Amino acid sequence: MSADTRVYEIRVQGELAPRWSCWFAGLAVETSDGETVMVGPVDDQAALHGLLARIRDLGLPLLGLRVVDG
């Protein structure tokens, strides 16, 4: 991991199967009560924006984004 790598939690409305993990750069994907939470390391801001663009492209409402560490 680079010095810019941080662990993020991204919460979206809608349920994604765990198999979506590979499309979201290997983030862990968990679903509960109509929401999906993705957690894992993101290399830098450009990679984070790429993940957010994928969420947008799927039409999933973003419910939350937070840094889990550092």
N, C-alpha and C. Protein backbone atom coordinates (compact mmCIF):
# COMPACT_ATOMS: atom_id res chain seq x y z
N MET A 1 0.84 -1.18 0.00
CA MET A 1 0.00 0.00 0.00
C MET A 1 0.89 1.24 0.00
N SER A 2 0.43 2.25 -0.72
CA SER A 2 1.18 3.50 -0.77
C SER A 2 0.83 4.37 0.43
N ALA A 3 1.56 5.44 0.59
CA ALA A 3 1.32 6.37 1.70
C ALA A 3 -0.05 7.02 1.59
N ASP A 4 -0.60 7.10 0.37
CA ASP A 4 -1.91 7.73 0.16
C ASP A 4 -3.08 6.76 0.36
N THR A 5 -2.78 5.48 0.55
CA THR A 5 -3.83 4.48 0.69
C THR A 5 -4.56 4.65 2.01
N ARG A 6 -5.89 4.63 1.91
CA ARG A 6 -6.75 4.71 3.10
C ARG A 6 -7.82 3.65 2.97
N VAL A 7 -8.35 3.22 4.09
CA VAL A 7 -9.47 2.28 4.08
C VAL A 7 -10.76 3.08 4.16
N TYR A 8 -11.65 2.82 3.21
CA TYR A 8 -12.93 3.53 3.14
C TYR A 8 -14.09 2.57 3.36
N GLU A 9 -15.17 3.13 3.87
CA GLU A 9 -16.46 2.45 3.91
C GLU A 9 -17.40 3.26 3.02
N ILE A 10 -17.96 2.59 2.02
CA ILE A 10 -18.90 3.22 1.10
C ILE A 10 -20.24 2.53 1.26
N ARG A 11 -21.29 3.29 1.57
CA ARG A 11 -22.62 2.73 1.79
C ARG A 11 -23.56 3.24 0.69
N VAL A 12 -24.25 2.29 0.02
CA VAL A 12 -25.18 2.65 -1.04
C VAL A 12 -26.54 2.01 -0.80
N GLN A 13 -27.56 2.63 -1.37
CA GLN A 13 -28.90 2.05 -1.32
C GLN A 13 -28.99 1.00 -2.42
N GLY A 14 -29.55 -0.14 -2.09
CA GLY A 14 -29.66 -1.23 -3.05
C GLY A 14 -28.77 -2.39 -2.63
N GLU A 15 -29.07 -3.54 -3.15
CA GLU A 15 -28.34 -4.74 -2.76
C GLU A 15 -27.49 -5.28 -3.91
N LEU A 16 -26.19 -5.36 -3.66
CA LEU A 16 -25.26 -5.95 -4.61
C LEU A 16 -24.76 -7.28 -4.04
N ALA A 17 -24.62 -8.26 -4.89
CA ALA A 17 -24.08 -9.55 -4.46
C ALA A 17 -22.58 -9.41 -4.20
N PRO A 18 -22.03 -10.26 -3.34
CA PRO A 18 -20.58 -10.21 -3.07
C PRO A 18 -19.72 -10.35 -4.32
N ARG A 19 -20.23 -10.95 -5.38
CA ARG A 19 -19.43 -11.11 -6.60
C ARG A 19 -19.07 -9.77 -7.24
N TRP A 20 -19.74 -8.69 -6.85
CA TRP A 20 -19.41 -7.36 -7.36
C TRP A 20 -18.07 -6.85 -6.82
N SER A 21 -17.52 -7.53 -5.83
CA SER A 21 -16.26 -7.11 -5.23
C SER A 21 -15.17 -6.87 -6.27
N CYS A 22 -15.06 -7.76 -7.24
CA CYS A 22 -13.99 -7.60 -8.25
C CYS A 22 -14.19 -6.35 -9.10
N TRP A 23 -15.44 -5.94 -9.33
CA TRP A 23 -15.72 -4.74 -10.11
C TRP A 23 -15.43 -3.48 -9.31
N PHE A 24 -15.43 -3.62 -7.98
CA PHE A 24 -15.14 -2.50 -7.10
C PHE A 24 -13.77 -2.67 -6.45
N ALA A 25 -12.78 -2.99 -7.27
CA ALA A 25 -11.36 -3.02 -6.87
C ALA A 25 -11.08 -3.90 -5.66
N GLY A 26 -11.85 -4.97 -5.50
CA GLY A 26 -11.60 -5.91 -4.41
C GLY A 26 -12.14 -5.50 -3.06
N LEU A 27 -12.92 -4.43 -2.99
CA LEU A 27 -13.52 -4.05 -1.72
C LEU A 27 -14.46 -5.17 -1.25
N ALA A 28 -14.52 -5.40 0.04
CA ALA A 28 -15.47 -6.38 0.60
C ALA A 28 -16.88 -5.82 0.43
N VAL A 29 -17.80 -6.65 -0.04
CA VAL A 29 -19.17 -6.23 -0.30
C VAL A 29 -20.11 -7.01 0.60
N GLU A 30 -20.87 -6.29 1.43
CA GLU A 30 -21.85 -6.91 2.32
C GLU A 30 -23.18 -6.20 2.16
N THR A 31 -24.26 -6.99 2.18
CA THR A 31 -25.60 -6.45 1.97
C THR A 31 -26.48 -6.77 3.16
N SER A 32 -27.31 -5.78 3.55
CA SER A 32 -28.25 -5.98 4.64
C SER A 32 -29.34 -4.92 4.57
N ASP A 33 -30.57 -5.36 4.73
CA ASP A 33 -31.72 -4.44 4.82
C ASP A 33 -31.79 -3.43 3.68
N GLY A 34 -31.54 -3.88 2.46
CA GLY A 34 -31.68 -3.00 1.31
C GLY A 34 -30.52 -2.06 1.07
N GLU A 35 -29.42 -2.26 1.81
CA GLU A 35 -28.23 -1.44 1.63
C GLU A 35 -27.02 -2.33 1.38
N THR A 36 -26.04 -1.77 0.70
CA THR A 36 -24.77 -2.46 0.49
C THR A 36 -23.66 -1.61 1.08
N VAL A 37 -22.76 -2.28 1.80
CA VAL A 37 -21.60 -1.61 2.37
C VAL A 37 -20.36 -2.24 1.75
N MET A 38 -19.49 -1.39 1.22
CA MET A 38 -18.23 -1.83 0.65
C MET A 38 -17.10 -1.24 1.48
N VAL A 39 -16.16 -2.08 1.88
CA VAL A 39 -15.07 -1.64 2.74
C VAL A 39 -13.75 -2.19 2.21
N GLY A 40 -12.74 -1.34 2.22
CA GLY A 40 -11.41 -1.81 1.84
C GLY A 40 -10.48 -0.67 1.51
N PRO A 41 -9.23 -1.01 1.23
CA PRO A 41 -8.24 0.01 0.91
C PRO A 41 -8.44 0.59 -0.48
N VAL A 42 -8.24 1.90 -0.57
CA VAL A 42 -8.30 2.62 -1.84
C VAL A 42 -6.98 3.37 -1.97
N ASP A 43 -6.30 3.19 -3.10
CA ASP A 43 -4.93 3.70 -3.26
C ASP A 43 -4.79 5.21 -3.16
N ASP A 44 -5.73 5.95 -3.77
CA ASP A 44 -5.59 7.40 -3.77
C ASP A 44 -6.93 8.03 -4.16
N GLN A 45 -6.95 9.35 -4.24
CA GLN A 45 -8.19 10.05 -4.56
C GLN A 45 -8.70 9.72 -5.96
N ALA A 46 -7.81 9.53 -6.90
CA ALA A 46 -8.23 9.17 -8.26
C ALA A 46 -8.97 7.83 -8.25
N ALA A 47 -8.45 6.86 -7.50
CA ALA A 47 -9.10 5.56 -7.40
C ALA A 47 -10.46 5.69 -6.71
N LEU A 48 -10.54 6.52 -5.69
CA LEU A 48 -11.80 6.74 -4.99
C LEU A 48 -12.84 7.34 -5.94
N HIS A 49 -12.44 8.32 -6.72
CA HIS A 49 -13.36 8.93 -7.67
C HIS A 49 -13.81 7.92 -8.73
N GLY A 50 -12.92 7.01 -9.11
CA GLY A 50 -13.28 5.95 -10.04
C GLY A 50 -14.36 5.04 -9.46
N LEU A 51 -14.21 4.68 -8.19
CA LEU A 51 -15.23 3.84 -7.52
C LEU A 51 -16.57 4.57 -7.44
N LEU A 52 -16.52 5.85 -7.11
CA LEU A 52 -17.76 6.63 -7.02
C LEU A 52 -18.42 6.76 -8.39
N ALA A 53 -17.63 6.85 -9.45
CA ALA A 53 -18.19 6.90 -10.81
C ALA A 53 -18.90 5.60 -11.15
N ARG A 54 -18.34 4.47 -10.72
CA ARG A 54 -18.99 3.18 -10.96
C ARG A 54 -20.33 3.09 -10.23
N ILE A 55 -20.35 3.61 -9.01
CA ILE A 55 -21.60 3.63 -8.24
C ILE A 55 -22.63 4.49 -8.97
N ARG A 56 -22.20 5.65 -9.43
CA ARG A 56 -23.08 6.54 -10.20
C ARG A 56 -23.60 5.85 -11.45
N ASP A 57 -22.70 5.18 -12.18
CA ASP A 57 -23.07 4.53 -13.42
C ASP A 57 -24.09 3.42 -13.21
N LEU A 58 -24.07 2.79 -12.04
CA LEU A 58 -25.06 1.76 -11.72
C LEU A 58 -26.38 2.36 -11.24
N GLY A 59 -26.39 3.66 -11.00
CA GLY A 59 -27.61 4.33 -10.54
C GLY A 59 -27.92 4.05 -9.08
N LEU A 60 -26.88 3.72 -8.29
CA LEU A 60 -27.09 3.44 -6.87
C LEU A 60 -26.96 4.73 -6.06
N PRO A 61 -27.97 5.08 -5.28
CA PRO A 61 -27.86 6.27 -4.44
C PRO A 61 -26.77 6.09 -3.37
N LEU A 62 -25.87 7.05 -3.29
CA LEU A 62 -24.81 7.03 -2.29
C LEU A 62 -25.39 7.47 -0.95
N LEU A 63 -25.26 6.64 0.07
CA LEU A 63 -25.79 6.96 1.40
C LEU A 63 -24.70 7.47 2.34
N GLY A 64 -23.47 7.04 2.11
CA GLY A 64 -22.41 7.49 2.99
C GLY A 64 -21.05 7.08 2.51
N LEU A 65 -20.06 7.85 2.90
CA LEU A 65 -18.66 7.59 2.58
C LEU A 65 -17.86 8.07 3.77
N ARG A 66 -17.01 7.18 4.30
CA ARG A 66 -16.17 7.61 5.42
C ARG A 66 -14.85 6.88 5.39
N VAL A 67 -13.85 7.54 5.94
CA VAL A 67 -12.53 6.94 6.11
C VAL A 67 -12.59 6.10 7.38
N VAL A 68 -12.19 4.84 7.27
CA VAL A 68 -12.22 3.95 8.41
C VAL A 68 -10.93 4.06 9.19
N ASP A 69 -9.82 4.34 8.51
CA ASP A 69 -8.54 4.53 9.20
C ASP A 69 -7.87 5.79 8.70
N GLY A 70 -6.85 6.23 9.41
CA GLY A 70 -5.94 7.28 9.06
C GLY A 70 -6.43 8.53 8.56
